[in-house]
């Protein structure tokens, strides 16, 4: 048994996991997990998988996989260029990117129609407001003209009573301007990119950030903040729902040990897993 294998096994036992438990969490066959503990890497399907399996094993038992790989890199087989090329992630096709753009346009179009409708209402109300005072002024001017025409008759006939000029003029009713409230911006979750098992999203238009995991199948859940600090590291059983308030953070990384059948929500909006990998990371950046 190598020093790396002994350290991983000790962490597994401290967590109270058996090899079968770890196989369920990581979805790595237990013969590969046993080979890692014994330092026997010949059982692996390829040298590329040695580092990937060790990192996944470490994170499942609460250790820093990158730190372990760096510490014991001299004890690990070096992957050949052929293994690396086989496991390089493929970039999304232009057709897929074009599909996302068209979907985004369909989401924005109803908002544009509503905004134009509101602007039209404001313009109509403003126009009516501008016309109303002018009509009131014209009526006042016409009243003054009538009073001036009657003044000569008053001089010829002193018995005609002159209207008291001190009588209060009728108040002109003011037209209140109707101001339409601007619609509150809606939350928008935008896909950015996928690199390997990690997919990145941008979130805008939200005031709170609530992560919710609905587990149809048992899975291991690991949540980290923008400083890569572990905030959640536990299993979620089938049929359970786990919620985490990330409002105070600027970024979260959600790692699922078993994605099939399980769903991640951000403020009750589903965050899609772009690939069919069993283990995936979702990075959500909050644009506050």
C-alpha atoms as a PDB file:
ATOM      1  CA  UNK A   1       0.000   0.000   0.000  1.00  0.00           C
ATOM      2  CA  UNK A   2       1.362   3.429  -0.988  1.00  0.00           C
ATOM      3  CA  UNK A   3       1.357   6.480   1.267  1.00  0.00           C
ATOM      4  CA  UNK A   4      -1.348   8.056  -0.935  1.00  0.00           C
ATOM      5  CA  UNK A   5      -3.490   4.925  -0.743  1.00  0.00           C
ATOM      6  CA  UNK A   6      -3.102   4.737   3.025  1.00  0.00           C
ATOM      7  CA  UNK A   7      -4.142   8.367   3.417  1.00  0.00           C
ATOM      8  CA  UNK A   8      -7.240   7.889   1.268  1.00  0.00           C
ATOM      9  CA  UNK A   9      -8.219   4.693   3.073  1.00  0.00           C
ATOM     10  CA  UNK A  10      -7.785   6.377   6.471  1.00  0.00           C
ATOM     11  CA  UNK A  11     -10.067   9.260   5.367  1.00  0.00           C
ATOM     12  CA  UNK A  12     -12.646   6.764   4.060  1.00  0.00           C
ATOM     13  CA  UNK A  13     -12.726   4.872   7.353  1.00  0.00           C
ATOM     14  CA  UNK A  14     -12.980   8.166   9.272  1.00  0.00           C
ATOM     15  CA  UNK A  15     -16.086   9.021   7.216  1.00  0.00           C
ATOM     16  CA  UNK A  16     -17.531   5.600   8.062  1.00  0.00           C
ATOM     17  CA  UNK A  17     -17.675   4.468   4.412  1.00  0.00           C
ATOM     18  CA  UNK A  18     -17.113   0.982   3.117  1.00  0.00           C
ATOM     19  CA  UNK A  19     -15.767   0.313  -0.382  1.00  0.00           C
ATOM     20  CA  UNK A  20     -19.365  -0.404  -1.447  1.00  0.00           C
ATOM     21  CA  UNK A  21     -20.548   2.932   0.002  1.00  0.00           C
ATOM     22  CA  UNK A  22     -17.798   4.766  -1.852  1.00  0.00           C
ATOM     23  CA  UNK A  23     -18.692   2.966  -5.069  1.00  0.00           C
ATOM     24  CA  UNK A  24     -22.307   4.178  -4.672  1.00  0.00           C
ATOM     25  CA  UNK A  25     -21.187   7.773  -4.031  1.00  0.00           C
ATOM     26  CA  UNK A  26     -18.536   8.088  -6.756  1.00  0.00           C
ATOM     27  CA  UNK A  27     -19.971   5.562  -9.271  1.00  0.00           C
ATOM     28  CA  UNK A  28     -16.400   4.191  -9.627  1.00  0.00           C
ATOM     29  CA  UNK A  29     -16.133   0.387  -9.617  1.00  0.00           C
ATOM     30  CA  UNK A  30     -14.889  -0.878  -6.272  1.00  0.00           C
ATOM     31  CA  UNK A  31     -12.045  -2.847  -7.885  1.00  0.00           C
ATOM     32  CA  UNK A  32     -10.623   0.481  -9.086  1.00  0.00           C
ATOM     33  CA  UNK A  33     -11.133   2.018  -5.622  1.00  0.00           C
ATOM     34  CA  UNK A  34      -9.345  -0.946  -4.013  1.00  0.00           C
ATOM     35  CA  UNK A  35      -6.545  -0.595  -6.582  1.00  0.00           C
ATOM     36  CA  UNK A  36      -6.093   3.082  -5.607  1.00  0.00           C
ATOM     37  CA  UNK A  37      -5.787   2.176  -1.918  1.00  0.00           C
ATOM     38  CA  UNK A  38      -3.283  -0.605  -2.709  1.00  0.00           C
ATOM     39  CA  UNK A  39      -1.298   1.542  -5.146  1.00  0.00           C
ATOM     40  CA  UNK A  40      -2.037  -0.937  -7.951  1.00  0.00           C
ATOM     41  CA  UNK A  41      -2.828   1.256 -10.958  1.00  0.00           C
ATOM     42  CA  UNK A  42      -2.546  -1.553 -13.527  1.00  0.00           C
ATOM     43  CA  UNK A  43      -6.236  -2.366 -13.018  1.00  0.00           C
ATOM     44  CA  UNK A  44      -7.274   1.059 -14.322  1.00  0.00           C
ATOM     45  CA  UNK A  45      -8.750   1.373 -17.840  1.00  0.00           C
ATOM     46  CA  UNK A  46      -5.992   3.887 -18.694  1.00  0.00           C
ATOM     47  CA  UNK A  47      -3.400   6.154 -17.088  1.00  0.00           C
ATOM     48  CA  UNK A  48      -5.638   9.177 -17.641  1.00  0.00           C
ATOM     49  CA  UNK A  49      -8.284   7.692 -15.321  1.00  0.00           C
ATOM     50  CA  UNK A  50      -5.807   7.203 -12.462  1.00  0.00           C
ATOM     51  CA  UNK A  51      -5.667  10.928 -11.627  1.00  0.00           C
ATOM     52  CA  UNK A  52      -9.390  11.444 -12.298  1.00  0.00           C
ATOM     53  CA  UNK A  53     -10.423   8.538 -10.026  1.00  0.00           C
ATOM     54  CA  UNK A  54      -8.026   9.610  -7.246  1.00  0.00           C
ATOM     55  CA  UNK A  55      -9.372  13.183  -7.319  1.00  0.00           C
ATOM     56  CA  UNK A  56     -12.979  11.961  -7.215  1.00  0.00           C
ATOM     57  CA  UNK A  57     -12.140   9.509  -4.371  1.00  0.00           C
ATOM     58  CA  UNK A  58     -10.468  12.320  -2.375  1.00  0.00           C
ATOM     59  CA  UNK A  59     -13.345  14.764  -2.721  1.00  0.00           C
ATOM     60  CA  UNK A  60     -15.857  12.064  -1.709  1.00  0.00           C
ATOM     61  CA  UNK A  61     -14.026  11.523   1.618  1.00  0.00           C
ATOM     62  CA  UNK A  62     -13.520  15.247   2.283  1.00  0.00           C
ATOM     63  CA  UNK A  63      -9.925  15.705   1.057  1.00  0.00           C
ATOM     64  CA  UNK A  64      -8.542  18.212  -1.468  1.00  0.00           C
ATOM     65  CA  UNK A  65      -8.046  16.195  -4.654  1.00  0.00           C
ATOM     66  CA  UNK A  66      -5.853  18.756  -6.426  1.00  0.00           C
ATOM     67  CA  UNK A  67      -3.573  19.080  -3.391  1.00  0.00           C
ATOM     68  CA  UNK A  68      -3.146  15.276  -3.120  1.00  0.00           C
ATOM     69  CA  UNK A  69      -2.360  14.934  -6.828  1.00  0.00           C
ATOM     70  CA  UNK A  70       0.278  17.658  -6.563  1.00  0.00           C
ATOM     71  CA  UNK A  71       1.833  16.127  -3.415  1.00  0.00           C
ATOM     72  CA  UNK A  72       2.089  12.582  -4.777  1.00  0.00           C
ATOM     73  CA  UNK A  73       2.534  13.354  -8.473  1.00  0.00           C
ATOM     74  CA  UNK A  74       5.851  11.494  -8.588  1.00  0.00           C
ATOM     75  CA  UNK A  75       4.088   8.298  -7.431  1.00  0.00           C
ATOM     76  CA  UNK A  76       1.443   8.438 -10.172  1.00  0.00           C
ATOM     77  CA  UNK A  77       1.755   7.251 -13.782  1.00  0.00           C
ATOM     78  CA  UNK A  78       1.968  10.045 -16.350  1.00  0.00           C
ATOM     79  CA  UNK A  79      -0.877   9.943 -18.913  1.00  0.00           C
ATOM     80  CA  UNK A  80       0.233   9.596 -22.517  1.00  0.00           C
ATOM     81  CA  UNK A  81      -0.750  12.121 -25.193  1.00  0.00           C
ATOM     82  CA  UNK A  82      -3.078   9.509 -26.669  1.00  0.00           C
ATOM     83  CA  UNK A  83      -5.024   9.169 -23.373  1.00  0.00           C
ATOM     84  CA  UNK A  84      -5.324  12.931 -23.046  1.00  0.00           C
ATOM     85  CA  UNK A  85      -6.622  13.346 -26.603  1.00  0.00           C
ATOM     86  CA  UNK A  86      -9.259  10.651 -26.037  1.00  0.00           C
ATOM     87  CA  UNK A  87     -10.634  12.470 -23.003  1.00  0.00           C
ATOM     88  CA  UNK A  88     -10.507  16.062 -24.294  1.00  0.00           C
ATOM     89  CA  UNK A  89     -14.024  17.610 -24.134  1.00  0.00           C
ATOM     90  CA  UNK A  90     -15.596  18.481 -27.430  1.00  0.00           C
ATOM     91  CA  UNK A  91     -16.742  22.066 -28.008  1.00  0.00           C
ATOM     92  CA  UNK A  92     -20.442  22.714 -28.719  1.00  0.00           C
ATOM     93  CA  UNK A  93     -21.372  22.791 -32.399  1.00  0.00           C
ATOM     94  CA  UNK A  94     -22.395  25.998 -34.122  1.00  0.00           C
ATOM     95  CA  UNK A  95     -25.865  24.559 -34.528  1.00  0.00           C
ATOM     96  CA  UNK A  96     -26.156  24.066 -30.740  1.00  0.00           C
ATOM     97  CA  UNK A  97     -24.945  27.606 -30.064  1.00  0.00           C
ATOM     98  CA  UNK A  98     -27.351  28.943 -32.650  1.00  0.00           C
ATOM     99  CA  UNK A  99     -30.179  27.057 -30.937  1.00  0.00           C
ATOM    100  CA  UNK A 100     -29.357  28.697 -27.631  1.00  0.00           C
ATOM    101  CA  UNK A 101     -29.360  32.154 -29.267  1.00  0.00           C
ATOM    102  CA  UNK A 102     -32.770  31.578 -30.838  1.00  0.00           C
ATOM    103  CA  UNK A 103     -34.177  30.336 -27.529  1.00  0.00           C
ATOM    104  CA  UNK A 104     -32.838  33.447 -25.805  1.00  0.00           C
ATOM    105  CA  UNK A 105     -34.514  35.659 -28.449  1.00  0.00           C
ATOM    106  CA  UNK A 106     -37.837  33.885 -27.869  1.00  0.00           C
ATOM    107  CA  UNK A 107     -37.562  34.600 -24.141  1.00  0.00           C
ATOM    108  CA  UNK A 108     -36.782  38.307 -24.642  1.00  0.00           C
ATOM    109  CA  UNK A 109     -39.423  38.998 -27.350  1.00  0.00           C
ATOM    110  CA  UNK A 110     -42.492  38.990 -25.019  1.00  0.00           C
ATOM    111  CA  UNK A 111     -40.688  41.387 -22.665  1.00  0.00           C
ATOM    112  CA  UNK A 112     -40.022  43.785 -25.570  1.00  0.00           C
ATOM    113  CA  UNK A 113     -43.704  43.726 -26.584  1.00  0.00           C
ATOM    114  CA  UNK A 114     -44.786  44.546 -23.014  1.00  0.00           C
ATOM    115  CA  UNK A 115     -42.226  47.381 -22.790  1.00  0.00           C
ATOM    116  CA  UNK A 116     -43.446  48.927 -26.074  1.00  0.00           C
ATOM    117  CA  UNK A 117     -47.059  48.714 -24.875  1.00  0.00           C
ATOM    118  CA  UNK A 118     -46.190  50.542 -21.647  1.00  0.00           C
ATOM    119  CA  UNK A 119     -44.297  53.268 -23.556  1.00  0.00           C
ATOM    120  CA  UNK A 120     -47.328  53.785 -25.846  1.00  0.00           C
ATOM    121  CA  UNK A 121     -49.628  54.239 -22.826  1.00  0.00           C
ATOM    122  CA  UNK A 122     -47.261  56.804 -21.299  1.00  0.00           C
ATOM    123  CA  UNK A 123     -47.118  58.789 -24.574  1.00  0.00           C
ATOM    124  CA  UNK A 124     -50.940  58.864 -24.875  1.00  0.00           C
ATOM    125  CA  UNK A 125     -51.412  60.014 -21.267  1.00  0.00           C
ATOM    126  CA  UNK A 126     -48.745  62.699 -21.641  1.00  0.00           C
ATOM    127  CA  UNK A 127     -50.410  64.002 -24.822  1.00  0.00           C
ATOM    128  CA  UNK A 128     -53.789  64.268 -23.103  1.00  0.00           C
ATOM    129  CA  UNK A 129     -52.169  66.053 -20.162  1.00  0.00           C
ATOM    130  CA  UNK A 130     -50.597  68.652 -22.477  1.00  0.00           C
ATOM    131  CA  UNK A 131     -53.933  69.417 -24.218  1.00  0.00           C
ATOM    132  CA  UNK A 132     -56.134  69.791 -21.108  1.00  0.00           C
ATOM    133  CA  UNK A 133     -54.564  73.004 -19.594  1.00  0.00           C
ATOM    134  CA  UNK A 134     -54.742  74.783 -22.971  1.00  0.00           C
ATOM    135  CA  UNK A 135     -58.482  74.188 -23.247  1.00  0.00           C
ATOM    136  CA  UNK A 136     -58.970  75.531 -19.703  1.00  0.00           C
ATOM    137  CA  UNK A 137     -56.995  78.688 -20.552  1.00  0.00           C
ATOM    138  CA  UNK A 138     -59.147  79.263 -23.651  1.00  0.00           C
ATOM    139  CA  UNK A 139     -62.348  79.057 -21.575  1.00  0.00           C
ATOM    140  CA  UNK A 140     -60.982  81.615 -19.072  1.00  0.00           C
ATOM    141  CA  UNK A 141     -60.019  83.997 -21.907  1.00  0.00           C
ATOM    142  CA  UNK A 142     -63.487  83.781 -23.453  1.00  0.00           C
ATOM    143  CA  UNK A 143     -65.062  84.655 -20.065  1.00  0.00           C
ATOM    144  CA  UNK A 144     -62.863  87.738 -19.766  1.00  0.00           C
ATOM    145  CA  UNK A 145     -63.902  88.892 -23.240  1.00  0.00           C
ATOM    146  CA  UNK A 146     -67.579  88.685 -22.295  1.00  0.00           C
ATOM    147  CA  UNK A 147     -67.027  90.831 -19.186  1.00  0.00           C
ATOM    148  CA  UNK A 148     -65.264  93.525 -21.218  1.00  0.00           C
ATOM    149  CA  UNK A 149     -68.110  93.722 -23.729  1.00  0.00           C
ATOM    150  CA  UNK A 150     -70.695  94.301 -20.942  1.00  0.00           C
ATOM    151  CA  UNK A 151     -68.782  97.176 -19.302  1.00  0.00           C
ATOM    152  CA  UNK A 152     -70.066  99.927 -21.738  1.00  0.00           C
ATOM    153  CA  UNK A 153     -73.670  98.922 -20.959  1.00  0.00           C
ATOM    154  CA  UNK A 154     -72.958  99.439 -17.276  1.00  0.00           C
ATOM    155  CA  UNK A 155     -71.812 103.034 -17.873  1.00  0.00           C
ATOM    156  CA  UNK A 156     -75.026 103.918 -19.815  1.00  0.00           C
ATOM    157  CA  UNK A 157     -77.377 102.311 -17.293  1.00  0.00           C
ATOM    158  CA  UNK A 158     -76.258 102.792 -13.693  1.00  0.00           C
ATOM    159  CA  UNK A 159     -79.078 100.596 -12.425  1.00  0.00           C
ATOM    160  CA  UNK A 160     -77.389  97.534 -13.881  1.00  0.00           C
ATOM    161  CA  UNK A 161     -75.485  95.782 -11.181  1.00  0.00           C
ATOM    162  CA  UNK A 162     -71.845  95.085 -11.841  1.00  0.00           C
ATOM    163  CA  UNK A 163     -70.690  91.651 -11.080  1.00  0.00           C
ATOM    164  CA  UNK A 164     -68.430  91.543  -8.061  1.00  0.00           C
ATOM    165  CA  UNK A 165     -64.885  91.125  -9.352  1.00  0.00           C
ATOM    166  CA  UNK A 166     -63.847  89.739  -5.994  1.00  0.00           C
ATOM    167  CA  UNK A 167     -65.791  86.534  -6.504  1.00  0.00           C
ATOM    168  CA  UNK A 168     -63.394  83.591  -6.538  1.00  0.00           C
ATOM    169  CA  UNK A 169     -62.759  82.151  -9.953  1.00  0.00           C
ATOM    170  CA  UNK A 170     -63.606  78.558 -10.529  1.00  0.00           C
ATOM    171  CA  UNK A 171     -60.643  76.386  -9.940  1.00  0.00           C
ATOM    172  CA  UNK A 172     -59.298  74.597 -12.960  1.00  0.00           C
ATOM    173  CA  UNK A 173     -59.288  70.923 -12.378  1.00  0.00           C
ATOM    174  CA  UNK A 174     -55.807  69.522 -12.554  1.00  0.00           C
ATOM    175  CA  UNK A 175     -55.167  66.385 -14.516  1.00  0.00           C
ATOM    176  CA  UNK A 176     -52.895  64.060 -12.686  1.00  0.00           C
ATOM    177  CA  UNK A 177     -50.248  62.421 -14.757  1.00  0.00           C
ATOM    178  CA  UNK A 178     -50.504  58.682 -14.730  1.00  0.00           C
ATOM    179  CA  UNK A 179     -47.082  57.155 -14.386  1.00  0.00           C
ATOM    180  CA  UNK A 180     -46.822  53.514 -15.214  1.00  0.00           C
ATOM    181  CA  UNK A 181     -44.463  51.564 -12.996  1.00  0.00           C
ATOM    182  CA  UNK A 182     -41.629  49.915 -14.852  1.00  0.00           C
ATOM    183  CA  UNK A 183     -41.788  46.113 -14.750  1.00  0.00           C
ATOM    184  CA  UNK A 184     -39.466  44.466 -12.267  1.00  0.00           C
ATOM    185  CA  UNK A 185     -36.598  42.766 -14.152  1.00  0.00           C
ATOM    186  CA  UNK A 186     -37.006  38.997 -14.252  1.00  0.00           C
ATOM    187  CA  UNK A 187     -34.317  36.504 -13.329  1.00  0.00           C
ATOM    188  CA  UNK A 188     -32.256  35.333 -16.309  1.00  0.00           C
ATOM    189  CA  UNK A 189     -29.955  32.305 -16.208  1.00  0.00           C
ATOM    190  CA  UNK A 190     -27.515  32.261 -19.154  1.00  0.00           C
ATOM    191  CA  UNK A 191     -25.277  29.351 -20.162  1.00  0.00           C
ATOM    192  CA  UNK A 192     -21.615  30.403 -20.659  1.00  0.00           C
ATOM    193  CA  UNK A 193     -19.495  27.323 -21.420  1.00  0.00           C
ATOM    194  CA  UNK A 194     -18.669  23.690 -20.577  1.00  0.00           C
ATOM    195  CA  UNK A 195     -15.126  22.514 -19.856  1.00  0.00           C
ATOM    196  CA  UNK A 196     -14.809  18.832 -19.028  1.00  0.00           C
ATOM    197  CA  UNK A 197     -17.217  18.032 -16.205  1.00  0.00           C
ATOM    198  CA  UNK A 198     -17.738  21.724 -15.289  1.00  0.00           C
ATOM    199  CA  UNK A 199     -20.472  23.914 -16.817  1.00  0.00           C
ATOM    200  CA  UNK A 200     -20.685  27.668 -16.110  1.00  0.00           C
ATOM    201  CA  UNK A 201     -23.811  29.887 -15.948  1.00  0.00           C
ATOM    202  CA  UNK A 202     -24.410  33.630 -15.350  1.00  0.00           C
ATOM    203  CA  UNK A 203     -27.405  34.686 -13.202  1.00  0.00           C
ATOM    204  CA  UNK A 204     -28.877  38.215 -13.454  1.00  0.00           C
ATOM    205  CA  UNK A 205     -32.050  39.961 -12.266  1.00  0.00           C
ATOM    206  CA  UNK A 206     -32.269  38.188  -8.892  1.00  0.00           C
ATOM    207  CA  UNK A 207     -32.100  39.620  -5.366  1.00  0.00           C
ATOM    208  CA  UNK A 208     -31.734  36.299  -3.525  1.00  0.00           C
ATOM    209  CA  UNK A 209     -29.895  33.128  -4.488  1.00  0.00           C
ATOM    210  CA  UNK A 210     -31.461  29.909  -3.184  1.00  0.00           C
ATOM    211  CA  UNK A 211     -29.943  26.579  -4.303  1.00  0.00           C
ATOM    212  CA  UNK A 212     -32.271  23.566  -4.155  1.00  0.00           C
ATOM    213  CA  UNK A 213     -31.387  19.933  -4.954  1.00  0.00           C
ATOM    214  CA  UNK A 214     -34.242  17.465  -5.500  1.00  0.00           C
ATOM    215  CA  UNK A 215     -32.821  13.929  -5.374  1.00  0.00           C
ATOM    216  CA  UNK A 216     -34.626  11.138  -7.171  1.00  0.00           C
ATOM    217  CA  UNK A 217     -31.529   8.980  -6.654  1.00  0.00           C
ATOM    218  CA  UNK A 218     -28.985   9.009  -3.830  1.00  0.00           C
ATOM    219  CA  UNK A 219     -26.072  11.327  -4.603  1.00  0.00           C
ATOM    220  CA  UNK A 220     -23.083  13.011  -3.002  1.00  0.00           C
ATOM    221  CA  UNK A 221     -23.412  16.838  -2.845  1.00  0.00           C
ATOM    222  CA  UNK A 222     -20.491  19.259  -2.510  1.00  0.00           C
ATOM    223  CA  UNK A 223     -20.983  23.071  -2.580  1.00  0.00           C
ATOM    224  CA  UNK A 224     -18.108  25.594  -2.572  1.00  0.00           C
ATOM    225  CA  UNK A 225     -17.990  29.406  -2.591  1.00  0.00           C
ATOM    226  CA  UNK A 226     -16.044  31.858  -4.753  1.00  0.00           C
ATOM    227  CA  UNK A 227     -12.888  31.188  -2.672  1.00  0.00           C
ATOM    228  CA  UNK A 228     -13.210  27.403  -3.224  1.00  0.00           C
ATOM    229  CA  UNK A 229     -14.170  26.980   0.440  1.00  0.00           C
ATOM    230  CA  UNK A 230     -16.288  23.880   1.129  1.00  0.00           C
ATOM    231  CA  UNK A 231     -19.728  24.917   2.464  1.00  0.00           C
ATOM    232  CA  UNK A 232     -21.631  21.633   2.023  1.00  0.00           C
ATOM    233  CA  UNK A 233     -20.194  18.097   1.812  1.00  0.00           C
ATOM    234  CA  UNK A 234     -22.785  15.375   2.394  1.00  0.00           C
ATOM    235  CA  UNK A 235     -24.968  12.758   0.746  1.00  0.00           C
ATOM    236  CA  UNK A 236     -28.608  13.403  -0.217  1.00  0.00           C
ATOM    237  CA  UNK A 237     -30.831  10.317  -0.163  1.00  0.00           C
ATOM    238  CA  UNK A 238     -33.437   9.498  -2.804  1.00  0.00           C
ATOM    239  CA  UNK A 239     -36.683  11.389  -2.244  1.00  0.00           C
ATOM    240  CA  UNK A 240     -35.003  14.143  -0.211  1.00  0.00           C
ATOM    241  CA  UNK A 241     -34.803  17.873  -1.020  1.00  0.00           C
ATOM    242  CA  UNK A 242     -31.807  19.938   0.129  1.00  0.00           C
ATOM    243  CA  UNK A 243     -31.808  23.775   0.137  1.00  0.00           C
ATOM    244  CA  UNK A 244     -28.908  26.196   0.607  1.00  0.00           C
ATOM    245  CA  UNK A 245     -29.072  30.025   0.825  1.00  0.00           C
ATOM    246  CA  UNK A 246     -26.209  31.541  -1.239  1.00  0.00           C
ATOM    247  CA  UNK A 247     -27.440  35.164  -1.186  1.00  0.00           C
ATOM    248  CA  UNK A 248     -24.289  36.433   0.537  1.00  0.00           C
ATOM    249  CA  UNK A 249     -21.991  34.838  -2.076  1.00  0.00           C
ATOM    250  CA  UNK A 250     -20.886  35.999  -5.512  1.00  0.00           C
ATOM    251  CA  UNK A 251     -20.387  32.515  -6.954  1.00  0.00           C
ATOM    252  CA  UNK A 252     -21.101  28.858  -6.107  1.00  0.00           C
ATOM    253  CA  UNK A 253     -19.803  25.567  -7.443  1.00  0.00           C
ATOM    254  CA  UNK A 254     -22.248  22.646  -7.077  1.00  0.00           C
ATOM    255  CA  UNK A 255     -20.739  19.171  -7.538  1.00  0.00           C
ATOM    256  CA  UNK A 256     -23.066  16.181  -7.951  1.00  0.00           C
ATOM    257  CA  UNK A 257     -21.618  12.700  -7.538  1.00  0.00           C
ATOM    258  CA  UNK A 258     -24.587  11.196  -9.412  1.00  0.00           C
ATOM    259  CA  UNK A 259     -26.537  13.486 -11.772  1.00  0.00           C
ATOM    260  CA  UNK A 260     -29.000  11.083 -13.525  1.00  0.00           C
ATOM    261  CA  UNK A 261     -32.521  11.606 -12.187  1.00  0.00           C
ATOM    262  CA  UNK A 262     -31.464  14.447  -9.862  1.00  0.00           C
ATOM    263  CA  UNK A 263     -32.402  18.117 -10.401  1.00  0.00           C
ATOM    264  CA  UNK A 264     -30.721  21.389  -9.343  1.00  0.00           C
ATOM    265  CA  UNK A 265     -32.804  24.596  -9.018  1.00  0.00           C
ATOM    266  CA  UNK A 266     -31.652  28.217  -8.650  1.00  0.00           C
ATOM    267  CA  UNK A 267     -34.518  30.332  -7.269  1.00  0.00           C
ATOM    268  CA  UNK A 268     -36.982  27.620  -8.472  1.00  0.00           C
ATOM    269  CA  UNK A 269     -35.488  27.715 -12.016  1.00  0.00           C
ATOM    270  CA  UNK A 270     -33.988  24.442 -13.247  1.00  0.00           C
ATOM    271  CA  UNK A 271     -30.239  24.520 -14.001  1.00  0.00           C
ATOM    272  CA  UNK A 272     -29.632  22.076 -16.849  1.00  0.00           C
ATOM    273  CA  UNK A 273     -26.747  19.565 -16.909  1.00  0.00           C
ATOM    274  CA  UNK A 274     -25.389  20.072 -20.463  1.00  0.00           C
ATOM    275  CA  UNK A 275     -23.621  16.692 -20.712  1.00  0.00           C
ATOM    276  CA  UNK A 276     -24.472  13.082 -19.853  1.00  0.00           C
ATOM    277  CA  UNK A 277     -21.602  12.602 -17.399  1.00  0.00           C
ATOM    278  CA  UNK A 278     -22.436  10.850 -14.151  1.00  0.00           C
ATOM    279  CA  UNK A 279     -20.428  13.317 -12.055  1.00  0.00           C
ATOM    280  CA  UNK A 280     -20.684  17.017 -12.997  1.00  0.00           C
ATOM    281  CA  UNK A 281     -19.991  20.487 -11.626  1.00  0.00           C
ATOM    282  CA  UNK A 282     -22.320  23.498 -12.001  1.00  0.00           C
ATOM    283  CA  UNK A 283     -20.672  26.905 -11.519  1.00  0.00           C
ATOM    284  CA  UNK A 284     -23.189  29.786 -11.128  1.00  0.00           C
ATOM    285  CA  UNK A 285     -21.869  33.372 -11.170  1.00  0.00           C
ATOM    286  CA  UNK A 286     -24.135  35.989  -9.550  1.00  0.00           C
ATOM    287  CA  UNK A 287     -24.222  39.381 -11.311  1.00  0.00           C
ATOM    288  CA  UNK A 288     -25.718  41.536  -8.544  1.00  0.00           C
END
